[in-house]
Amino acid sequence: MKNKILQISAIIAIFIVAIVRIVDNTEKIILHWDLWGNITSYCSKYYIIFLPIISLIIYALFRYYKRNPYKMNQISKIEVTPDNTKLL
């Protein structure tokens, strides 16, 4: 239970940081730094909303597959063809 609360609170914190950055007056945010700390690209401040959305989607997928582990490992049927029978 503590782990679930920690995960949800981290996602809420990411949403709060994203909203604060959108409300901020800067029009561009830093998108990427290189190895030496130099800024290599900028983007619009509205792109920061994708980070919490992606975090929420990943969290939902992990929760779904934790509850339904057999949905992830579906074995597909192998068609019997002359090429397959040669390999076997």
PDB file of N, CA and C in Angstrom:
ATOM      1  N   MET A   1       0.827  -1.196   0.000  1.00  0.00           N
ATOM      2  CA  MET A   1       0.000   0.000   0.000  1.00  0.00           C
ATOM      3  C   MET A   1       0.869   1.257   0.000  1.00  0.00           C
ATOM      4  N   LYS A   2       1.967   1.222   0.772  1.00  0.00           N
ATOM      5  CA  LYS A   2       2.852   2.387   0.824  1.00  0.00           C
ATOM      6  C   LYS A   2       3.499   2.647  -0.525  1.00  0.00           C
ATOM      7  N   ASN A   3       3.818   1.557  -1.235  1.00  0.00           N
ATOM      8  CA  ASN A   3       4.447   1.682  -2.543  1.00  0.00           C
ATOM      9  C   ASN A   3       3.497   2.345  -3.539  1.00  0.00           C
ATOM     10  N   LYS A   4       2.213   1.979  -3.485  1.00  0.00           N
ATOM     11  CA  LYS A   4       1.216   2.555  -4.383  1.00  0.00           C
ATOM     12  C   LYS A   4       1.039   4.046  -4.096  1.00  0.00           C
ATOM     13  N   ILE A   5       1.001   4.415  -2.826  1.00  0.00           N
ATOM     14  CA  ILE A   5       0.857   5.820  -2.448  1.00  0.00           C
ATOM     15  C   ILE A   5       2.066   6.625  -2.907  1.00  0.00           C
ATOM     16  N   LEU A   6       3.245   6.048  -2.777  1.00  0.00           N
ATOM     17  CA  LEU A   6       4.467   6.719  -3.224  1.00  0.00           C
ATOM     18  C   LEU A   6       4.466   6.929  -4.737  1.00  0.00           C
ATOM     19  N   GLN A   7       4.032   5.925  -5.483  1.00  0.00           N
ATOM     20  CA  GLN A   7       3.988   6.040  -6.937  1.00  0.00           C
ATOM     21  C   GLN A   7       2.984   7.105  -7.387  1.00  0.00           C
ATOM     22  N   ILE A   8       1.813   7.093  -6.800  1.00  0.00           N
ATOM     23  CA  ILE A   8       0.792   8.080  -7.173  1.00  0.00           C
ATOM     24  C   ILE A   8       1.223   9.484  -6.772  1.00  0.00           C
ATOM     25  N   SER A   9       1.856   9.619  -5.616  1.00  0.00           N
ATOM     26  CA  SER A   9       2.318  10.948  -5.201  1.00  0.00           C
ATOM     27  C   SER A   9       3.439  11.456  -6.112  1.00  0.00           C
ATOM     28  N   ALA A  10       4.276  10.564  -6.636  1.00  0.00           N
ATOM     29  CA  ALA A  10       5.307  10.985  -7.589  1.00  0.00           C
ATOM     30  C   ALA A  10       4.684  11.474  -8.885  1.00  0.00           C
ATOM     31  N   ILE A  11       3.648  10.808  -9.358  1.00  0.00           N
ATOM     32  CA  ILE A  11       2.970  11.247 -10.583  1.00  0.00           C
ATOM     33  C   ILE A  11       2.271  12.585 -10.350  1.00  0.00           C
ATOM     34  N   ILE A  12       1.660  12.764  -9.190  1.00  0.00           N
ATOM     35  CA  ILE A  12       1.014  14.043  -8.874  1.00  0.00           C
ATOM     36  C   ILE A  12       2.060  15.151  -8.807  1.00  0.00           C
ATOM     37  N   ALA A  13       3.217  14.852  -8.238  1.00  0.00           N
ATOM     38  CA  ALA A  13       4.291  15.855  -8.172  1.00  0.00           C
ATOM     39  C   ALA A  13       4.774  16.237  -9.566  1.00  0.00           C
ATOM     40  N   ILE A  14       4.859  15.274 -10.462  1.00  0.00           N
ATOM     41  CA  ILE A  14       5.255  15.566 -11.846  1.00  0.00           C
ATOM     42  C   ILE A  14       4.217  16.463 -12.502  1.00  0.00           C
ATOM     43  N   PHE A  15       2.925  16.194 -12.276  1.00  0.00           N
ATOM     44  CA  PHE A  15       1.868  17.053 -12.819  1.00  0.00           C
ATOM     45  C   PHE A  15       1.980  18.469 -12.268  1.00  0.00           C
ATOM     46  N   ILE A  16       2.250  18.603 -10.973  1.00  0.00           N
ATOM     47  CA  ILE A  16       2.354  19.924 -10.360  1.00  0.00           C
ATOM     48  C   ILE A  16       3.529  20.700 -10.943  1.00  0.00           C
ATOM     49  N   VAL A  17       4.676  20.039 -11.098  1.00  0.00           N
ATOM     50  CA  VAL A  17       5.840  20.706 -11.684  1.00  0.00           C
ATOM     51  C   VAL A  17       5.544  21.130 -13.123  1.00  0.00           C
ATOM     52  N   ALA A  18       4.867  20.283 -13.873  1.00  0.00           N
ATOM     53  CA  ALA A  18       4.528  20.630 -15.260  1.00  0.00           C
ATOM     54  C   ALA A  18       3.593  21.832 -15.315  1.00  0.00           C
ATOM     55  N   ILE A  19       2.609  21.871 -14.451  1.00  0.00           N
ATOM     56  CA  ILE A  19       1.672  23.004 -14.446  1.00  0.00           C
ATOM     57  C   ILE A  19       2.379  24.284 -14.027  1.00  0.00           C
ATOM     58  N   VAL A  20       3.257  24.194 -13.038  1.00  0.00           N
ATOM     59  CA  VAL A  20       4.009  25.380 -12.614  1.00  0.00           C
ATOM     60  C   VAL A  20       4.877  25.900 -13.759  1.00  0.00           C
ATOM     61  N   ARG A  21       5.507  24.998 -14.490  1.00  0.00           N
ATOM     62  CA  ARG A  21       6.352  25.423 -15.616  1.00  0.00           C
ATOM     63  C   ARG A  21       5.521  26.015 -16.746  1.00  0.00           C
ATOM     64  N   ILE A  22       4.307  25.546 -16.951  1.00  0.00           N
ATOM     65  CA  ILE A  22       3.451  26.111 -17.998  1.00  0.00           C
ATOM     66  C   ILE A  22       2.984  27.503 -17.603  1.00  0.00           C
ATOM     67  N   VAL A  23       2.668  27.699 -16.326  1.00  0.00           N
ATOM     68  CA  VAL A  23       2.206  29.004 -15.852  1.00  0.00           C
ATOM     69  C   VAL A  23       3.343  30.016 -15.849  1.00  0.00           C
ATOM     70  N   ASP A  24       4.571  29.535 -15.720  1.00  0.00           N
ATOM     71  CA  ASP A  24       5.742  30.406 -15.726  1.00  0.00           C
ATOM     72  C   ASP A  24       5.772  31.223 -17.031  1.00  0.00           C
ATOM     73  N   ASN A  25       6.400  32.375 -17.009  1.00  0.00           N
ATOM     74  CA  ASN A  25       6.365  33.297 -18.148  1.00  0.00           C
ATOM     75  C   ASN A  25       7.302  32.921 -19.293  1.00  0.00           C
ATOM     76  N   THR A  26       8.189  31.957 -19.097  1.00  0.00           N
ATOM     77  CA  THR A  26       9.100  31.620 -20.177  1.00  0.00           C
ATOM     78  C   THR A  26       8.355  30.926 -21.314  1.00  0.00           C
ATOM     79  N   GLU A  27       8.714  31.275 -22.532  1.00  0.00           N
ATOM     80  CA  GLU A  27       8.055  30.678 -23.693  1.00  0.00           C
ATOM     81  C   GLU A  27       8.711  29.369 -24.123  1.00  0.00           C
ATOM     82  N   LYS A  28      10.005  29.213 -23.828  1.00  0.00           N
ATOM     83  CA  LYS A  28      10.718  28.010 -24.218  1.00  0.00           C
ATOM     84  C   LYS A  28      11.283  27.334 -22.975  1.00  0.00           C
ATOM     85  N   ILE A  29      11.358  26.004 -23.046  1.00  0.00           N
ATOM     86  CA  ILE A  29      12.015  25.248 -21.994  1.00  0.00           C
ATOM     87  C   ILE A  29      13.159  24.453 -22.626  1.00  0.00           C
ATOM     88  N   ILE A  30      14.117  24.068 -21.798  1.00  0.00           N
ATOM     89  CA  ILE A  30      15.246  23.303 -22.290  1.00  0.00           C
ATOM     90  C   ILE A  30      14.799  21.862 -22.489  1.00  0.00           C
ATOM     91  N   LEU A  31      15.057  21.349 -23.672  1.00  0.00           N
ATOM     92  CA  LEU A  31      14.639  19.992 -23.997  1.00  0.00           C
ATOM     93  C   LEU A  31      15.773  18.988 -23.812  1.00  0.00           C
ATOM     94  N   HIS A  32      16.984  19.406 -24.131  1.00  0.00           N
ATOM     95  CA  HIS A  32      18.083  18.444 -24.105  1.00  0.00           C
ATOM     96  C   HIS A  32      19.409  19.131 -23.794  1.00  0.00           C
ATOM     97  N   TRP A  33      20.231  18.441 -23.002  1.00  0.00           N
ATOM     98  CA  TRP A  33      21.606  18.880 -22.756  1.00  0.00           C
ATOM     99  C   TRP A  33      22.533  17.837 -23.350  1.00  0.00           C
ATOM    100  N   ASP A  34      23.744  18.256 -23.721  1.00  0.00           N
ATOM    101  CA  ASP A  34      24.725  17.269 -24.163  1.00  0.00           C
ATOM    102  C   ASP A  34      25.537  16.779 -22.977  1.00  0.00           C
ATOM    103  N   LEU A  35      26.545  16.005 -23.245  1.00  0.00           N
ATOM    104  CA  LEU A  35      27.343  15.386 -22.202  1.00  0.00           C
ATOM    105  C   LEU A  35      28.078  16.406 -21.330  1.00  0.00           C
ATOM    106  N   TRP A  36      28.416  17.541 -21.887  1.00  0.00           N
ATOM    107  CA  TRP A  36      29.176  18.565 -21.168  1.00  0.00           C
ATOM    108  C   TRP A  36      28.293  19.628 -20.528  1.00  0.00           C
ATOM    109  N   GLY A  37      26.985  19.479 -20.596  1.00  0.00           N
ATOM    110  CA  GLY A  37      26.075  20.410 -19.955  1.00  0.00           C
ATOM    111  C   GLY A  37      25.642  21.570 -20.819  1.00  0.00           C
ATOM    112  N   ASN A  38      25.997  21.543 -22.096  1.00  0.00           N
ATOM    113  CA  ASN A  38      25.561  22.595 -23.010  1.00  0.00           C
ATOM    114  C   ASN A  38      24.148  22.307 -23.495  1.00  0.00           C
ATOM    115  N   ILE A  39      23.356  23.353 -23.614  1.00  0.00           N
ATOM    116  CA  ILE A  39      21.980  23.203 -24.078  1.00  0.00           C
ATOM    117  C   ILE A  39      22.008  22.969 -25.583  1.00  0.00           C
ATOM    118  N   THR A  40      21.363  21.874 -26.010  1.00  0.00           N
ATOM    119  CA  THR A  40      21.375  21.552 -27.436  1.00  0.00           C
ATOM    120  C   THR A  40      20.050  21.835 -28.127  1.00  0.00           C
ATOM    121  N   SER A  41      18.943  21.854 -27.378  1.00  0.00           N
ATOM    122  CA  SER A  41      17.662  22.151 -28.029  1.00  0.00           C
ATOM    123  C   SER A  41      16.650  22.689 -27.019  1.00  0.00           C
ATOM    124  N   TYR A  42      15.743  23.486 -27.545  1.00  0.00           N
ATOM    125  CA  TYR A  42      14.642  24.062 -26.790  1.00  0.00           C
ATOM    126  C   TYR A  42      13.329  23.589 -27.405  1.00  0.00           C
ATOM    127  N   CYS A  43      12.257  23.744 -26.665  1.00  0.00           N
ATOM    128  CA  CYS A  43      10.928  23.471 -27.216  1.00  0.00           C
ATOM    129  C   CYS A  43       9.930  24.399 -26.530  1.00  0.00           C
ATOM    130  N   SER A  44       8.709  24.378 -27.019  1.00  0.00           N
ATOM    131  CA  SER A  44       7.645  25.187 -26.431  1.00  0.00           C
ATOM    132  C   SER A  44       7.350  24.701 -25.020  1.00  0.00           C
ATOM    133  N   LYS A  45       6.910  25.591 -24.162  1.00  0.00           N
ATOM    134  CA  LYS A  45       6.650  25.206 -22.777  1.00  0.00           C
ATOM    135  C   LYS A  45       5.488  24.230 -22.646  1.00  0.00           C
ATOM    136  N   TYR A  46       4.660  24.108 -23.661  1.00  0.00           N
ATOM    137  CA  TYR A  46       3.513  23.197 -23.593  1.00  0.00           C
ATOM    138  C   TYR A  46       3.902  21.740 -23.821  1.00  0.00           C
ATOM    139  N   TYR A  47       5.103  21.486 -24.293  1.00  0.00           N
ATOM    140  CA  TYR A  47       5.562  20.110 -24.461  1.00  0.00           C
ATOM    141  C   TYR A  47       5.822  19.426 -23.119  1.00  0.00           C
ATOM    142  N   ILE A  48       5.960  20.191 -22.073  1.00  0.00           N
ATOM    143  CA  ILE A  48       6.254  19.597 -20.766  1.00  0.00           C
ATOM    144  C   ILE A  48       5.060  18.817 -20.224  1.00  0.00           C
ATOM    145  N   ILE A  49       3.874  19.030 -20.748  1.00  0.00           N
ATOM    146  CA  ILE A  49       2.701  18.296 -20.281  1.00  0.00           C
ATOM    147  C   ILE A  49       2.765  16.837 -20.720  1.00  0.00           C
ATOM    148  N   PHE A  50       3.587  16.516 -21.720  1.00  0.00           N
ATOM    149  CA  PHE A  50       3.700  15.125 -22.162  1.00  0.00           C
ATOM    150  C   PHE A  50       4.397  14.241 -21.128  1.00  0.00           C
ATOM    151  N   LEU A  51       5.283  14.792 -20.336  1.00  0.00           N
ATOM    152  CA  LEU A  51       5.996  14.002 -19.333  1.00  0.00           C
ATOM    153  C   LEU A  51       5.054  13.380 -18.301  1.00  0.00           C
ATOM    154  N   PRO A  52       4.156  14.141 -17.675  1.00  0.00           N
ATOM    155  CA  PRO A  52       3.250  13.477 -16.722  1.00  0.00           C
ATOM    156  C   PRO A  52       2.244  12.552 -17.403  1.00  0.00           C
ATOM    157  N   ILE A  53       1.865  12.866 -18.641  1.00  0.00           N
ATOM    158  CA  ILE A  53       0.927  11.990 -19.342  1.00  0.00           C
ATOM    159  C   ILE A  53       1.589  10.647 -19.638  1.00  0.00           C
ATOM    160  N   ILE A  54       2.837  10.679 -20.085  1.00  0.00           N
ATOM    161  CA  ILE A  54       3.562   9.435 -20.348  1.00  0.00           C
ATOM    162  C   ILE A  54       3.769   8.662 -19.049  1.00  0.00           C
ATOM    163  N   SER A  55       4.082   9.349 -17.973  1.00  0.00           N
ATOM    164  CA  SER A  55       4.251   8.687 -16.670  1.00  0.00           C
ATOM    165  C   SER A  55       2.956   8.014 -16.224  1.00  0.00           C
ATOM    166  N   LEU A  56       1.847   8.685 -16.438  1.00  0.00           N
ATOM    167  CA  LEU A  56       0.551   8.117 -16.053  1.00  0.00           C
ATOM    168  C   LEU A  56       0.204   6.900 -16.907  1.00  0.00           C
ATOM    169  N   ILE A  57       0.500   6.944 -18.188  1.00  0.00           N
ATOM    170  CA  ILE A  57       0.225   5.801 -19.069  1.00  0.00           C
ATOM    171  C   ILE A  57       1.082   4.599 -18.667  1.00  0.00           C
ATOM    172  N   ILE A  58       2.358   4.830 -18.400  1.00  0.00           N
ATOM    173  CA  ILE A  58       3.243   3.735 -17.993  1.00  0.00           C
ATOM    174  C   ILE A  58       2.788   3.148 -16.656  1.00  0.00           C
ATOM    175  N   TYR A  59       2.405   4.009 -15.723  1.00  0.00           N
ATOM    176  CA  TYR A  59       1.910   3.532 -14.434  1.00  0.00           C
ATOM    177  C   TYR A  59       0.653   2.681 -14.621  1.00  0.00           C
ATOM    178  N   ALA A  60      -0.275   3.135 -15.464  1.00  0.00           N
ATOM    179  CA  ALA A  60      -1.512   2.388 -15.700  1.00  0.00           C
ATOM    180  C   ALA A  60      -1.231   1.039 -16.360  1.00  0.00           C
ATOM    181  N   LEU A  61      -0.290   1.003 -17.295  1.00  0.00           N
ATOM    182  CA  LEU A  61       0.059  -0.274 -17.939  1.00  0.00           C
ATOM    183  C   LEU A  61       0.667  -1.255 -16.941  1.00  0.00           C
ATOM    184  N   PHE A  62       1.567  -0.779 -16.093  1.00  0.00           N
ATOM    185  CA  PHE A  62       2.163  -1.655 -15.094  1.00  0.00           C
ATOM    186  C   PHE A  62       1.118  -2.167 -14.108  1.00  0.00           C
ATOM    187  N   ARG A  63       0.207  -1.312 -13.691  1.00  0.00           N
ATOM    188  CA  ARG A  63      -0.855  -1.743 -12.776  1.00  0.00           C
ATOM    189  C   ARG A  63      -1.761  -2.784 -13.449  1.00  0.00           C
ATOM    190  N   TYR A  64      -2.079  -2.568 -14.733  1.00  0.00           N
ATOM    191  CA  TYR A  64      -2.938  -3.500 -15.453  1.00  0.00           C
ATOM    192  C   TYR A  64      -2.269  -4.873 -15.572  1.00  0.00           C
ATOM    193  N   TYR A  65      -1.000  -4.885 -15.961  1.00  0.00           N
ATOM    194  CA  TYR A  65      -0.317  -6.152 -16.140  1.00  0.00           C
ATOM    195  C   TYR A  65       0.058  -6.813 -14.816  1.00  0.00           C
ATOM    196  N   LYS A  66       0.100  -6.061 -13.740  1.00  0.00           N
ATOM    197  CA  LYS A  66       0.311  -6.673 -12.430  1.00  0.00           C
ATOM    198  C   LYS A  66      -0.941  -7.424 -11.996  1.00  0.00           C
ATOM    199  N   ARG A  67      -2.106  -6.867 -12.326  1.00  0.00           N
ATOM    200  CA  ARG A  67      -3.366  -7.538 -11.999  1.00  0.00           C
ATOM    201  C   ARG A  67      -3.689  -8.674 -12.960  1.00  0.00           C
ATOM    202  N   ASN A  68      -3.264  -8.559 -14.228  1.00  0.00           N
ATOM    203  CA  ASN A  68      -3.555  -9.555 -15.256  1.00  0.00           C
ATOM    204  C   ASN A  68      -2.255 -10.017 -15.917  1.00  0.00           C
ATOM    205  N   PRO A  69      -1.438 -10.797 -15.239  1.00  0.00           N
ATOM    206  CA  PRO A  69      -0.133 -11.145 -15.802  1.00  0.00           C
ATOM    207  C   PRO A  69      -0.213 -12.040 -17.027  1.00  0.00           C
ATOM    208  N   TYR A  70      -1.281 -12.806 -17.166  1.00  0.00           N
ATOM    209  CA  TYR A  70      -1.366 -13.727 -18.295  1.00  0.00           C
ATOM    210  C   TYR A  70      -1.800 -13.044 -19.589  1.00  0.00           C
ATOM    211  N   LYS A  71      -2.255 -11.825 -19.516  1.00  0.00           N
ATOM    212  CA  LYS A  71      -2.606 -11.085 -20.734  1.00  0.00           C
ATOM    213  C   LYS A  71      -1.351 -10.666 -21.499  1.00  0.00           C
ATOM    214  N   MET A  72      -0.234 -10.605 -20.794  1.00  0.00           N
ATOM    215  CA  MET A  72       1.003 -10.153 -21.409  1.00  0.00           C
ATOM    216  C   MET A  72       1.689 -11.270 -22.195  1.00  0.00           C
ATOM    217  N   ASN A  73       1.528 -12.504 -21.778  1.00  0.00           N
ATOM    218  CA  ASN A  73       2.222 -13.624 -22.399  1.00  0.00           C
ATOM    219  C   ASN A  73       1.263 -14.474 -23.216  1.00  0.00           C
ATOM    220  N   GLN A  74       0.754 -13.927 -24.281  1.00  0.00           N
ATOM    221  CA  GLN A  74      -0.146 -14.686 -25.127  1.00  0.00           C
ATOM    222  C   GLN A  74       0.675 -15.450 -26.161  1.00  0.00           C
ATOM    223  N   ILE A  75       0.472 -16.742 -26.205  1.00  0.00           N
ATOM    224  CA  ILE A  75       1.185 -17.579 -27.159  1.00  0.00           C
ATOM    225  C   ILE A  75       0.347 -17.644 -28.432  1.00  0.00           C
ATOM    226  N   SER A  76       0.972 -17.330 -29.538  1.00  0.00           N
ATOM    227  CA  SER A  76       0.250 -17.374 -30.799  1.00  0.00           C
ATOM    228  C   SER A  76       0.386 -18.756 -31.425  1.00  0.00           C
ATOM    229  N   LYS A  77      -0.595 -19.107 -32.219  1.00  0.00           N
ATOM    230  CA  LYS A  77      -0.547 -20.395 -32.892  1.00  0.00           C
ATOM    231  C   LYS A  77       0.419 -20.314 -34.073  1.00  0.00           C
ATOM    232  N   ILE A  78       1.130 -21.392 -34.288  1.00  0.00           N
ATOM    233  CA  ILE A  78       2.059 -21.472 -35.407  1.00  0.00           C
ATOM    234  C   ILE A  78       1.376 -22.240 -36.526  1.00  0.00           C
ATOM    235  N   GLU A  79       1.346 -21.641 -37.687  1.00  0.00           N
ATOM    236  CA  GLU A  79       0.749 -22.320 -38.830  1.00  0.00           C
ATOM    237  C   GLU A  79       1.687 -23.406 -39.329  1.00  0.00           C
ATOM    238  N   VAL A  80       1.096 -24.507 -39.710  1.00  0.00           N
ATOM    239  CA  VAL A  80       1.887 -25.593 -40.269  1.00  0.00           C
ATOM    240  C   VAL A  80       1.968 -25.380 -41.777  1.00  0.00           C
ATOM    241  N   THR A  81       3.147 -25.106 -42.229  1.00  0.00           N
ATOM    242  CA  THR A  81       3.411 -24.924 -43.665  1.00  0.00           C
ATOM    243  C   THR A  81       4.543 -25.853 -44.062  1.00  0.00           C
ATOM    244  N   PRO A  82       4.716 -26.073 -45.345  1.00  0.00           N
ATOM    245  CA  PRO A  82       5.849 -26.932 -45.770  1.00  0.00           C
ATOM    246  C   PRO A  82       7.198 -26.385 -45.308  1.00  0.00           C
ATOM    247  N   ASP A  83       7.359 -25.072 -45.271  1.00  0.00           N
ATOM    248  CA  ASP A  83       8.626 -24.509 -44.804  1.00  0.00           C
ATOM    249  C   ASP A  83       8.853 -24.762 -43.321  1.00  0.00           C
ATOM    250  N   ASN A  84       7.788 -24.669 -42.546  1.00  0.00           N
ATOM    251  CA  ASN A  84       7.912 -24.936 -41.102  1.00  0.00           C
ATOM    252  C   ASN A  84       8.233 -26.398 -40.828  1.00  0.00           C
ATOM    253  N   THR A  85       7.616 -27.288 -41.554  1.00  0.00           N
ATOM    254  CA  THR A  85       7.879 -28.712 -41.317  1.00  0.00           C
ATOM    255  C   THR A  85       9.308 -29.092 -41.684  1.00  0.00           C
ATOM    256  N   LYS A  86       9.917 -28.411 -42.658  1.00  0.00           N
ATOM    257  CA  LYS A  86      11.316 -28.673 -42.987  1.00  0.00           C
ATOM    258  C   LYS A  86      12.214 -28.267 -41.835  1.00  0.00           C
ATOM    259  N   LEU A  87      11.884 -27.165 -41.171  1.00  0.00           N
ATOM    260  CA  LEU A  87      12.707 -26.697 -40.058  1.00  0.00           C
ATOM    261  C   LEU A  87      12.592 -27.623 -38.858  1.00  0.00           C
ATOM    262  N   LEU A  88      11.436 -28.217 -38.664  1.00  0.00           N
ATOM    263  CA  LEU A  88      11.259 -29.104 -37.513  1.00  0.00           C
ATOM    264  C   LEU A  88      11.794 -30.483 -37.841  1.00  0.00           C
TER     265      LEU A  88
END
